[in-house]
Amino acid sequence: VLLGAACSPKEPETRAYTDKEKEILRAARKAVAQFDDWADRAEFKIARRKEQWHVTAWRVEHPEAKGNRRYVPWGRREMVIDDTGKVLSYANDK
């Protein structure tokens, strides 16, 4: 199950993703696994902007908590991914 989280997370949003969004989210999860060690507990938000996909990954530390308490402040990554699934940028959110 892939979950999306808002920019200022309150509760994870669940929704049906298109096949293309699922493909991009798989690339995002793979990038988090490559650069960080928390891909297995990440929630994602995905948005299409012009010709690229912008994905935010949130590190969930307290899944039983509500709102922002679910996440750790340093556990947010911003990614830009192209239509082929290539990660163009991967950065800590500042």
Protein backbone atom coordinates (compact mmCIF):
# COMPACT_ATOMS: atom_id res chain seq x y z
CA VAL A 1 0.00 0.00 0.00
CA LEU A 2 1.39 3.37 -0.97
CA LEU A 3 0.38 6.31 1.13
CA GLY A 4 0.58 10.00 0.40
CA ALA A 5 1.21 12.64 3.02
CA ALA A 6 0.51 16.33 2.77
CA CYS A 7 3.34 18.89 2.76
CA SER A 8 2.50 19.67 6.35
CA PRO A 9 1.28 16.21 7.26
CA LYS A 10 -1.82 15.68 9.32
CA GLU A 11 -3.00 12.21 8.41
CA PRO A 12 -1.82 10.00 5.57
CA GLU A 13 -4.01 10.22 2.50
CA THR A 14 -4.90 7.03 0.76
CA ARG A 15 -6.06 7.12 -2.82
CA ALA A 16 -5.91 5.05 -5.95
CA TYR A 17 -2.78 5.74 -7.97
CA THR A 18 -2.45 5.40 -11.73
CA ASP A 19 -0.02 2.83 -13.10
CA LYS A 20 2.40 5.66 -13.98
CA GLU A 21 2.20 7.09 -10.44
CA LYS A 22 2.86 3.62 -9.01
CA GLU A 23 5.93 3.34 -11.25
CA ILE A 24 7.22 6.74 -10.09
CA LEU A 25 6.55 5.88 -6.45
CA ARG A 26 8.51 2.63 -6.84
CA ALA A 27 11.45 4.70 -8.15
CA ALA A 28 11.07 7.08 -5.20
CA ARG A 29 11.01 4.22 -2.69
CA LYS A 30 14.10 2.72 -4.33
CA ALA A 31 15.89 6.09 -4.04
CA VAL A 32 15.02 6.34 -0.33
CA ALA A 33 16.35 2.80 0.16
CA GLN A 34 19.56 3.72 -1.67
CA PHE A 35 20.27 6.97 0.18
CA ASP A 36 18.55 6.42 3.54
CA ASP A 37 17.55 3.41 5.63
CA TRP A 38 13.84 4.04 6.12
CA ALA A 39 12.16 3.21 2.80
CA ASP A 40 10.14 0.50 4.54
CA ARG A 41 8.42 3.08 6.76
CA ALA A 42 8.06 6.00 4.35
CA GLU A 43 4.89 7.74 3.22
CA PHE A 44 4.86 9.59 -0.07
CA LYS A 45 3.17 12.53 -1.73
CA ILE A 46 3.34 12.73 -5.52
CA ALA A 47 2.57 15.64 -7.84
CA ARG A 48 3.06 16.26 -11.54
CA ARG A 49 4.63 19.64 -12.37
CA LYS A 50 5.22 20.40 -16.03
CA GLU A 51 7.31 17.53 -17.43
CA GLN A 52 8.44 16.06 -14.11
CA TRP A 53 7.19 14.25 -11.04
CA HIS A 54 7.81 15.80 -7.63
CA VAL A 55 7.75 13.32 -4.77
CA THR A 56 8.01 14.01 -1.05
CA ALA A 57 8.96 11.15 1.27
CA TRP A 58 8.18 11.37 4.98
CA ARG A 59 9.90 9.11 7.51
CA VAL A 60 7.23 7.61 9.77
CA GLU A 61 8.64 6.96 13.25
CA HIS A 62 5.43 6.78 15.27
CA PRO A 63 2.73 5.17 13.10
CA GLU A 64 0.26 5.07 15.98
CA ALA A 65 0.48 8.85 16.48
CA LYS A 66 -1.72 11.42 14.77
CA GLY A 67 -0.72 14.43 12.69
CA ASN A 68 2.86 15.71 12.66
CA ARG A 69 3.76 13.48 15.59
CA ARG A 70 3.94 10.54 13.16
CA TYR A 71 7.06 12.00 11.52
CA VAL A 72 10.54 13.14 12.50
CA PRO A 73 11.60 16.64 11.39
CA TRP A 74 14.79 15.43 9.70
CA GLY A 75 12.96 12.65 7.85
CA ARG A 76 11.69 14.47 4.78
CA ARG A 77 13.15 14.05 1.31
CA GLU A 78 12.25 15.88 -1.87
CA MET A 79 12.74 14.14 -5.21
CA VAL A 80 12.28 15.08 -8.84
CA ILE A 81 11.75 12.10 -11.13
CA ASP A 82 11.30 11.98 -14.89
CA ASP A 83 8.78 9.89 -16.82
CA THR A 84 11.28 7.04 -17.22
CA GLY A 85 11.68 6.72 -13.45
CA LYS A 86 15.12 8.36 -13.36
CA VAL A 87 15.68 10.33 -10.15
CA LEU A 88 16.90 13.78 -11.22
CA SER A 89 17.34 15.15 -7.73
CA TYR A 90 17.17 13.86 -4.18
CA ALA A 91 17.52 16.28 -1.29
CA ASN A 92 16.77 16.90 2.33
CA ASP A 93 13.96 19.38 2.72
CA LYS A 94 15.25 22.62 4.19
